[in-house]
C-alpha atoms as a PDB file:
ATOM      1  CA  MET A   1     -18.874  -6.482  -8.008  1.00  0.00           C
ATOM      2  CA  PHE A   2     -17.208  -2.639  -8.212  1.00  0.00           C
ATOM      3  CA  ASP A   3     -14.663  -1.500 -11.046  1.00  0.00           C
ATOM      4  CA  THR A   4     -13.106   0.905  -9.066  1.00  0.00           C
ATOM      5  CA  HIS A   5     -10.966   2.311 -11.632  1.00  0.00           C
ATOM      6  CA  LEU A   6     -11.663   3.311 -15.458  1.00  0.00           C
ATOM      7  CA  HIS A   7     -11.590   5.675 -17.901  1.00  0.00           C
ATOM      8  CA  LEU A   8     -14.156   6.398 -20.259  1.00  0.00           C
ATOM      9  CA  VAL A   9     -14.024   9.306 -21.271  1.00  0.00           C
ATOM     10  CA  ASN A  10     -11.334  10.773 -23.934  1.00  0.00           C
ATOM     11  CA  GLU A  11     -10.103   7.356 -24.315  1.00  0.00           C
ATOM     12  CA  GLY A  12     -11.307   7.088 -27.471  1.00  0.00           C
ATOM     13  CA  TYR A  13     -14.890   4.826 -26.682  1.00  0.00           C
ATOM     14  CA  ASP A  14     -17.306   5.656 -28.792  1.00  0.00           C
ATOM     15  CA  ASP A  15     -20.067   3.268 -26.957  1.00  0.00           C
ATOM     16  CA  ILE A  16     -20.126   4.422 -23.609  1.00  0.00           C
ATOM     17  CA  ASP A  17     -23.378   3.391 -23.189  1.00  0.00           C
ATOM     18  CA  LYS A  18     -23.249   0.093 -23.976  1.00  0.00           C
ATOM     19  CA  VAL A  19     -19.527  -0.558 -22.346  1.00  0.00           C
ATOM     20  CA  ILE A  20     -21.807   0.768 -18.907  1.00  0.00           C
ATOM     21  CA  GLN A  21     -25.010  -1.739 -19.620  1.00  0.00           C
ATOM     22  CA  GLU A  22     -22.301  -4.827 -20.637  1.00  0.00           C
ATOM     23  CA  ALA A  23     -20.582  -4.419 -17.351  1.00  0.00           C
ATOM     24  CA  ILE A  24     -24.185  -4.237 -15.307  1.00  0.00           C
ATOM     25  CA  ASP A  25     -25.252  -7.327 -17.066  1.00  0.00           C
ATOM     26  CA  SER A  26     -22.196  -8.982 -16.025  1.00  0.00           C
ATOM     27  CA  GLY A  27     -22.490  -7.945 -12.560  1.00  0.00           C
ATOM     28  CA  VAL A  28     -20.321  -5.262 -12.309  1.00  0.00           C
ATOM     29  CA  LEU A  29     -22.902  -2.633 -10.951  1.00  0.00           C
ATOM     30  CA  TYR A  30     -20.625   0.610  -9.504  1.00  0.00           C
ATOM     31  CA  LEU A  31     -17.813   1.743 -11.409  1.00  0.00           C
ATOM     32  CA  ILE A  32     -15.292   4.658 -10.519  1.00  0.00           C
ATOM     33  CA  LEU A  33     -14.133   6.542 -13.181  1.00  0.00           C
ATOM     34  CA  GLY A  34      -9.904   7.673 -12.398  1.00  0.00           C
ATOM     35  CA  GLY A  35      -9.426  11.344 -13.246  1.00  0.00           C
ATOM     36  CA  CYS A  36      -6.050  12.125 -14.823  1.00  0.00           C
ATOM     37  CA  SER A  37      -6.267  15.793 -16.293  1.00  0.00           C
ATOM     38  CA  LYS A  38      -7.859  18.577 -16.829  1.00  0.00           C
ATOM     39  CA  ASP A  39      -9.986  17.068 -19.176  1.00  0.00           C
ATOM     40  CA  ASP A  40     -10.384  14.305 -17.627  1.00  0.00           C
ATOM     41  CA  ASN A  41     -12.045  15.408 -14.384  1.00  0.00           C
ATOM     42  CA  ILE A  42     -14.108  18.001 -15.969  1.00  0.00           C
ATOM     43  CA  SER A  43     -15.785  15.110 -18.890  1.00  0.00           C
ATOM     44  CA  ASN A  44     -15.904  12.832 -15.706  1.00  0.00           C
ATOM     45  CA  VAL A  45     -18.412  14.675 -14.049  1.00  0.00           C
ATOM     46  CA  GLU A  46     -20.881  15.311 -16.956  1.00  0.00           C
ATOM     47  CA  LEU A  47     -20.869  11.731 -17.636  1.00  0.00           C
ATOM     48  CA  CYS A  48     -21.320  10.686 -13.769  1.00  0.00           C
ATOM     49  CA  LYS A  49     -24.288  12.888 -13.879  1.00  0.00           C
ATOM     50  CA  LYS A  50     -26.223  11.052 -16.362  1.00  0.00           C
ATOM     51  CA  TYR A  51     -25.934   7.694 -14.263  1.00  0.00           C
ATOM     52  CA  ASP A  52     -26.665   6.484 -11.086  1.00  0.00           C
ATOM     53  CA  ASN A  53     -23.917   3.977 -10.696  1.00  0.00           C
ATOM     54  CA  LEU A  54     -20.917   5.838 -11.749  1.00  0.00           C
ATOM     55  CA  PHE A  55     -18.449   7.324  -9.067  1.00  0.00           C
ATOM     56  CA  MET A  56     -15.238   9.128  -9.663  1.00  0.00           C
ATOM     57  CA  THR A  57     -11.367  10.179  -8.565  1.00  0.00           C
ATOM     58  CA  VAL A  58     -10.558  13.436  -9.693  1.00  0.00           C
ATOM     59  CA  GLY A  59      -6.517  14.537  -9.812  1.00  0.00           C
ATOM     60  CA  TYR A  60      -4.039  15.099 -11.700  1.00  0.00           C
ATOM     61  CA  HIS A  61      -1.374  12.273 -13.221  1.00  0.00           C
ATOM     62  CA  PRO A  62       2.168  12.742 -12.891  1.00  0.00           C
ATOM     63  CA  SER A  63       2.710  13.110 -16.761  1.00  0.00           C
ATOM     64  CA  GLU A  64       0.155  16.427 -16.220  1.00  0.00           C
ATOM     65  CA  VAL A  65       2.447  18.086 -14.122  1.00  0.00           C
ATOM     66  CA  ASN A  66       4.458  20.252 -16.719  1.00  0.00           C
ATOM     67  CA  LYS A  67       0.813  21.813 -17.521  1.00  0.00           C
ATOM     68  CA  LEU A  68      -0.632  22.828 -14.216  1.00  0.00           C
ATOM     69  CA  ASN A  69      -0.603  26.024 -12.331  1.00  0.00           C
ATOM     70  CA  ASN A  70      -2.445  27.462  -9.084  1.00  0.00           C
ATOM     71  CA  SER A  71      -5.530  27.759 -10.894  1.00  0.00           C
ATOM     72  CA  ASP A  72      -5.700  23.923 -11.469  1.00  0.00           C
ATOM     73  CA  PHE A  73      -6.153  22.958  -7.743  1.00  0.00           C
ATOM     74  CA  LEU A  74      -8.230  25.406  -6.862  1.00  0.00           C
ATOM     75  CA  LEU A  75     -10.276  23.810  -9.860  1.00  0.00           C
ATOM     76  CA  LEU A  76     -10.114  20.361  -8.003  1.00  0.00           C
ATOM     77  CA  GLU A  77     -11.401  21.989  -4.733  1.00  0.00           C
ATOM     78  CA  GLU A  78     -14.145  23.804  -6.568  1.00  0.00           C
ATOM     79  CA  GLN A  79     -15.394  20.364  -8.207  1.00  0.00           C
ATOM     80  CA  ILE A  80     -15.221  18.077  -5.193  1.00  0.00           C
ATOM     81  CA  CYS A  81     -17.832  21.313  -3.420  1.00  0.00           C
ATOM     82  CA  ASN A  82     -19.737  20.868  -6.293  1.00  0.00           C
ATOM     83  CA  ASN A  83     -20.172  16.953  -6.559  1.00  0.00           C
ATOM     84  CA  LYS A  84     -19.707  16.171  -2.804  1.00  0.00           C
ATOM     85  CA  ASN A  85     -22.270  12.587  -4.029  1.00  0.00           C
ATOM     86  CA  LYS A  86     -20.265  11.860  -7.084  1.00  0.00           C
ATOM     87  CA  ILE A  87     -16.799  12.689  -6.230  1.00  0.00           C
ATOM     88  CA  ILE A  88     -15.204  10.118  -3.647  1.00  0.00           C
ATOM     89  CA  GLY A  89     -11.765  10.582  -3.837  1.00  0.00           C
ATOM     90  CA  ILE A  90      -8.971  12.462  -5.140  1.00  0.00           C
ATOM     91  CA  GLY A  91      -6.839  10.238  -8.003  1.00  0.00           C
ATOM     92  CA  GLU A  92      -5.242   8.913  -9.339  1.00  0.00           C
ATOM     93  CA  ILE A  93      -2.064  11.345  -8.365  1.00  0.00           C
ATOM     94  CA  GLY A  94       1.788   9.945  -7.221  1.00  0.00           C
ATOM     95  CA  LEU A  95       4.723   9.584  -9.384  1.00  0.00           C
ATOM     96  CA  ASP A  96       5.910   8.092 -12.389  1.00  0.00           C
ATOM     97  CA  TYR A  97       9.838   8.144 -13.240  1.00  0.00           C
ATOM     98  CA  HIS A  98       9.499   5.439 -16.297  1.00  0.00           C
ATOM     99  CA  TYR A  99      10.466   8.299 -18.647  1.00  0.00           C
ATOM    100  CA  GLY A 100      12.765   9.450 -16.189  1.00  0.00           C
ATOM    101  CA  LYS A 101      13.110  12.027 -13.284  1.00  0.00           C
ATOM    102  CA  ASP A 102      13.603  15.398 -14.963  1.00  0.00           C
ATOM    103  CA  ASP A 103      10.411  16.832 -13.993  1.00  0.00           C
ATOM    104  CA  LYS A 104      10.722  14.451 -10.318  1.00  0.00           C
ATOM    105  CA  LYS A 105      10.492  17.294  -8.361  1.00  0.00           C
ATOM    106  CA  LEU A 106       7.547  18.913 -10.327  1.00  0.00           C
ATOM    107  CA  GLN A 107       6.194  15.405  -9.858  1.00  0.00           C
ATOM    108  CA  ILE A 108       6.295  15.103  -5.913  1.00  0.00           C
ATOM    109  CA  GLU A 109       5.278  18.852  -5.597  1.00  0.00           C
ATOM    110  CA  ALA A 110       1.594  17.903  -7.457  1.00  0.00           C
ATOM    111  CA  PHE A 111       1.346  14.831  -5.673  1.00  0.00           C
ATOM    112  CA  LYS A 112       2.473  16.793  -2.238  1.00  0.00           C
ATOM    113  CA  LYS A 113      -0.788  19.535  -2.997  1.00  0.00           C
ATOM    114  CA  GLN A 114      -2.943  17.020  -3.826  1.00  0.00           C
ATOM    115  CA  ILE A 115      -2.490  15.060  -0.878  1.00  0.00           C
ATOM    116  CA  SER A 116      -3.195  18.302   0.734  1.00  0.00           C
ATOM    117  CA  ILE A 117      -6.210  18.553  -1.144  1.00  0.00           C
ATOM    118  CA  ALA A 118      -7.316  14.959  -0.262  1.00  0.00           C
ATOM    119  CA  LYS A 119      -7.014  15.960   3.877  1.00  0.00           C
ATOM    120  CA  LYS A 120      -9.046  18.981   3.515  1.00  0.00           C
ATOM    121  CA  TYR A 121     -12.026  17.089   1.895  1.00  0.00           C
ATOM    122  CA  ASN A 122     -11.211  14.003   4.136  1.00  0.00           C
ATOM    123  CA  LEU A 123     -11.387  11.552   0.618  1.00  0.00           C
ATOM    124  CA  PRO A 124      -9.166   9.044   0.345  1.00  0.00           C
ATOM    125  CA  VAL A 125      -6.679   8.568  -2.749  1.00  0.00           C
ATOM    126  CA  VAL A 126      -5.887   6.619  -5.837  1.00  0.00           C
ATOM    127  CA  ILE A 127      -2.270   6.236  -6.417  1.00  0.00           C
ATOM    128  CA  HIS A 128      -0.450   5.871  -9.781  1.00  0.00           C
ATOM    129  CA  THR A 129       3.732   4.563  -8.833  1.00  0.00           C
ATOM    130  CA  ARG A 130       5.938   3.434 -11.537  1.00  0.00           C
ATOM    131  CA  ASP A 131       8.938   3.199 -11.267  1.00  0.00           C
ATOM    132  CA  ALA A 132       8.647   5.264  -8.012  1.00  0.00           C
ATOM    133  CA  MET A 133       7.780   2.629  -5.713  1.00  0.00           C
ATOM    134  CA  GLN A 134      10.076   4.108  -2.892  1.00  0.00           C
ATOM    135  CA  ASP A 135       9.395   7.861  -3.200  1.00  0.00           C
ATOM    136  CA  THR A 136       5.883   7.184  -3.140  1.00  0.00           C
ATOM    137  CA  TYR A 137       5.977   5.010   0.121  1.00  0.00           C
ATOM    138  CA  ASN A 138       8.187   7.421   1.608  1.00  0.00           C
ATOM    139  CA  ILE A 139       5.589  10.420   0.747  1.00  0.00           C
ATOM    140  CA  LEU A 140       2.410   8.585   2.157  1.00  0.00           C
ATOM    141  CA  LYS A 141       4.182   7.091   4.853  1.00  0.00           C
ATOM    142  CA  ASP A 142       3.746  10.325   6.703  1.00  0.00           C
ATOM    143  CA  SER A 143       1.012  12.011   4.880  1.00  0.00           C
ATOM    144  CA  GLY A 144      -1.936  10.961   7.463  1.00  0.00           C
ATOM    145  CA  VAL A 145      -3.821  10.007   4.045  1.00  0.00           C
ATOM    146  CA  ILE A 146      -5.298   6.129   3.022  1.00  0.00           C
ATOM    147  CA  GLY A 147      -6.557   5.011  -0.101  1.00  0.00           C
ATOM    148  CA  VAL A 148      -5.505   2.487  -2.876  1.00  0.00           C
ATOM    149  CA  ILE A 149      -2.387   1.835  -4.566  1.00  0.00           C
ATOM    150  CA  HIS A 150      -3.986   1.118  -8.102  1.00  0.00           C
ATOM    151  CA  CYS A 151      -2.515  -1.190 -10.497  1.00  0.00           C
ATOM    152  CA  PHE A 152       0.111  -2.728  -7.865  1.00  0.00           C
ATOM    153  CA  SER A 153       2.636  -4.298  -9.248  1.00  0.00           C
ATOM    154  CA  GLY A 154       5.512  -4.400  -6.279  1.00  0.00           C
ATOM    155  CA  SER A 155       6.477  -7.297  -4.248  1.00  0.00           C
ATOM    156  CA  GLU A 156       4.787  -8.776  -1.302  1.00  0.00           C
ATOM    157  CA  GLU A 157       7.083  -7.017   0.912  1.00  0.00           C
ATOM    158  CA  MET A 158       5.869  -3.430  -0.125  1.00  0.00           C
ATOM    159  CA  ALA A 159       2.410  -4.849  -0.073  1.00  0.00           C
ATOM    160  CA  ASN A 160       2.659  -5.862   3.441  1.00  0.00           C
ATOM    161  CA  LYS A 161       4.252  -1.769   4.073  1.00  0.00           C
ATOM    162  CA  PHE A 162       1.164   0.302   2.311  1.00  0.00           C
ATOM    163  CA  ILE A 163      -0.694  -2.290   3.770  1.00  0.00           C
ATOM    164  CA  LYS A 164      -0.213  -0.947   7.286  1.00  0.00           C
ATOM    165  CA  LEU A 165      -0.182   2.324   6.126  1.00  0.00           C
ATOM    166  CA  GLY A 166      -4.052   1.188   5.632  1.00  0.00           C
ATOM    167  CA  PHE A 167      -3.946   1.252   1.869  1.00  0.00           C
ATOM    168  CA  TYR A 168      -5.499  -1.075  -0.935  1.00  0.00           C
ATOM    169  CA  LEU A 169      -4.247  -2.872  -3.286  1.00  0.00           C
ATOM    170  CA  GLY A 170      -5.787  -2.408  -6.409  1.00  0.00           C
ATOM    171  CA  ILE A 171      -5.496  -5.920  -8.421  1.00  0.00           C
ATOM    172  CA  GLY A 172      -6.464  -5.340 -12.466  1.00  0.00           C
ATOM    173  CA  GLY A 173      -6.189  -7.955 -15.286  1.00  0.00           C
ATOM    174  CA  VAL A 174      -2.346  -7.993 -14.905  1.00  0.00           C
ATOM    175  CA  VAL A 175      -2.981 -10.943 -12.222  1.00  0.00           C
ATOM    176  CA  THR A 176      -4.336 -13.113 -15.206  1.00  0.00           C
ATOM    177  CA  PHE A 177      -1.257 -12.389 -17.281  1.00  0.00           C
ATOM    178  CA  SER A 178       1.124 -16.043 -17.626  1.00  0.00           C
ATOM    179  CA  ASN A 179       4.395 -14.245 -16.732  1.00  0.00           C
ATOM    180  CA  SER A 180       2.971 -12.098 -13.842  1.00  0.00           C
ATOM    181  CA  LYS A 181       4.212 -12.353 -10.637  1.00  0.00           C
ATOM    182  CA  LEU A 182       1.169 -10.761  -9.150  1.00  0.00           C
ATOM    183  CA  ALA A 183      -0.514 -14.229  -8.520  1.00  0.00           C
ATOM    184  CA  GLU A 184       1.571 -15.016  -5.807  1.00  0.00           C
ATOM    185  CA  VAL A 185       1.541 -11.769  -4.107  1.00  0.00           C
ATOM    186  CA  VAL A 186      -2.087 -11.720  -3.791  1.00  0.00           C
ATOM    187  CA  LYS A 187      -1.800 -15.798  -2.965  1.00  0.00           C
ATOM    188  CA  ASN A 188      -0.297 -14.974  -0.092  1.00  0.00           C
ATOM    189  CA  ILE A 189      -1.838 -11.300   0.598  1.00  0.00           C
ATOM    190  CA  ASP A 190      -5.277 -11.279   2.572  1.00  0.00           C
ATOM    191  CA  LEU A 191      -8.194 -10.606   0.706  1.00  0.00           C
ATOM    192  CA  SER A 192      -9.630  -7.788   2.996  1.00  0.00           C
ATOM    193  CA  HIS A 193      -6.829  -5.472   1.304  1.00  0.00           C
ATOM    194  CA  ILE A 194      -7.694  -5.799  -2.175  1.00  0.00           C
ATOM    195  CA  ILE A 195      -9.810  -4.327  -4.347  1.00  0.00           C
ATOM    196  CA  LEU A 196     -11.042  -5.180  -7.836  1.00  0.00           C
ATOM    197  CA  GLU A 197     -10.426  -2.564 -11.404  1.00  0.00           C
ATOM    198  CA  THR A 198      -9.741  -2.514 -14.644  1.00  0.00           C
ATOM    199  CA  ASP A 199      -8.023   0.313 -15.702  1.00  0.00           C
ATOM    200  CA  SER A 200      -9.915  -0.038 -18.899  1.00  0.00           C
ATOM    201  CA  PRO A 201      -9.486   0.531 -21.671  1.00  0.00           C
ATOM    202  CA  TYR A 202      -5.452  -0.265 -20.504  1.00  0.00           C
ATOM    203  CA  LEU A 203      -4.776  -3.810 -19.444  1.00  0.00           C
ATOM    204  CA  SER A 204      -7.160  -6.250 -20.606  1.00  0.00           C
ATOM    205  CA  PRO A 205      -7.045  -9.992 -19.482  1.00  0.00           C
ATOM    206  CA  PHE A 206      -7.835 -10.735 -23.200  1.00  0.00           C
ATOM    207  CA  ARG A 207      -4.388  -9.374 -25.133  1.00  0.00           C
ATOM    208  CA  GLY A 208      -4.998  -7.426 -27.943  1.00  0.00           C
ATOM    209  CA  LYS A 209      -8.504  -6.236 -27.027  1.00  0.00           C
ATOM    210  CA  ARG A 210      -9.857  -3.274 -25.806  1.00  0.00           C
ATOM    211  CA  ASN A 211     -10.369  -3.750 -21.406  1.00  0.00           C
ATOM    212  CA  GLU A 212     -13.862  -3.447 -20.334  1.00  0.00           C
ATOM    213  CA  PRO A 213     -15.177  -2.923 -17.141  1.00  0.00           C
ATOM    214  CA  LYS A 214     -17.015  -6.271 -17.610  1.00  0.00           C
ATOM    215  CA  ASN A 215     -13.914  -8.170 -17.374  1.00  0.00           C
ATOM    216  CA  ILE A 216     -13.982  -7.458 -13.543  1.00  0.00           C
ATOM    217  CA  LYS A 217     -15.729 -11.213 -13.916  1.00  0.00           C
ATOM    218  CA  VAL A 218     -12.482 -12.401 -15.236  1.00  0.00           C
ATOM    219  CA  ILE A 219     -10.064 -10.944 -12.537  1.00  0.00           C
ATOM    220  CA  ALA A 220     -12.610 -12.000  -9.395  1.00  0.00           C
ATOM    221  CA  GLU A 221     -12.594 -15.537 -11.466  1.00  0.00           C
ATOM    222  CA  LYS A 222      -8.717 -15.899 -11.494  1.00  0.00           C
ATOM    223  CA  ILE A 223      -8.371 -14.524  -7.848  1.00  0.00           C
ATOM    224  CA  SER A 224     -11.053 -17.102  -6.921  1.00  0.00           C
ATOM    225  CA  LEU A 225      -8.602 -19.568  -8.443  1.00  0.00           C
ATOM    226  CA  ILE A 226      -5.882 -18.218  -6.623  1.00  0.00           C
ATOM    227  CA  LYS A 227      -7.167 -18.151  -3.152  1.00  0.00           C
ATOM    228  CA  GLY A 228      -8.925 -21.080  -3.205  1.00  0.00           C
ATOM    229  CA  MET A 229     -12.369 -19.774  -2.880  1.00  0.00           C
ATOM    230  CA  GLY A 230     -15.917 -19.261  -4.067  1.00  0.00           C
ATOM    231  CA  VAL A 231     -16.057 -15.916  -6.832  1.00  0.00           C
ATOM    232  CA  ASN A 232     -18.849 -14.674  -4.872  1.00  0.00           C
ATOM    233  CA  ASP A 233     -16.917 -14.516  -2.038  1.00  0.00           C
ATOM    234  CA  VAL A 234     -13.909 -12.968  -3.807  1.00  0.00           C
ATOM    235  CA  ALA A 235     -17.058 -10.800  -5.239  1.00  0.00           C
ATOM    236  CA  GLN A 236     -18.312  -9.718  -1.677  1.00  0.00           C
ATOM    237  CA  ILE A 237     -15.324  -9.028   0.175  1.00  0.00           C
ATOM    238  CA  THR A 238     -13.725  -7.198  -2.597  1.00  0.00           C
ATOM    239  CA  SER A 239     -16.967  -5.383  -2.268  1.00  0.00           C
ATOM    240  CA  ASN A 240     -16.826  -4.665   1.372  1.00  0.00           C
ATOM    241  CA  ASN A 241     -13.519  -3.292   1.366  1.00  0.00           C
ATOM    242  CA  VAL A 242     -14.620  -0.271  -1.615  1.00  0.00           C
ATOM    243  CA  VAL A 243     -17.554   0.879   0.445  1.00  0.00           C
ATOM    244  CA  ARG A 244     -15.336   0.813   3.594  1.00  0.00           C
ATOM    245  CA  LEU A 245     -12.679   2.764   1.487  1.00  0.00           C
ATOM    246  CA  PHE A 246     -15.234   5.568  -0.118  1.00  0.00           C
ATOM    247  CA  ASP A 247     -17.404   5.646   2.604  1.00  0.00           C
ATOM    248  CA  LEU A 248     -20.477   4.923  -0.020  1.00  0.00           C
ATOM    249  CA  ASP A 249     -24.265   4.361   0.762  1.00  0.00           C
ATOM    250  CA  VAL A 250     -24.796   1.993  -2.259  1.00  0.00           C
ATOM    251  CA  GLU A 251     -26.679  -1.478  -2.243  1.00  0.00           C
ATOM    252  CA  ILE A 252     -24.503  -4.636  -2.791  1.00  0.00           C
END
């Protein structure tokens, strides 16, 4: 299995080697680190050099937009060119209006710049959208890129709209929450449009505990119950989706 989105560096993990080994032991053989900031991207590059089973995406989270200048976008391109075997996408990028829209213009500008970089290097995008679903969709609709809607939390209608654009839905620990409506969406969406993620250390299936990539197994088990199919089938289908989306040359 794959954990297609997690944050190991700069997130308080002091046992990264152990976390990675426990993921492998649980059957989660490949991890994709998500980049949110300049520091994230730099640290992820170094960590990926250490492990054959780690890949990464580079990008700037919408919360970073007030810190960015043109040199930061040039740095993304430099990192892509220097790490072509490890950098497999641009993300996480997108829009976040949860704390207001004061920087909406800057967010949209940074989002579009990073979409342009993705197109230039023919890379998929990993999309963060929070309280900004319609604006996110409107930008992606005419963008010409494909990718994944990270930590999808929208309606079935919106899920289908993104799927028609060629996007996958990133499903994580929220699907296991008893008060979540996500299970109903997952039930009605074909598994060929879903990939699995933890967003570690956030959104753990076990409330109050740090999330870890080994919990992909828990998410897969929950989806197998929702879909009425074997967990091995969930693992195989979603893994095939990851390989297809990110054009990975790995054994699954």
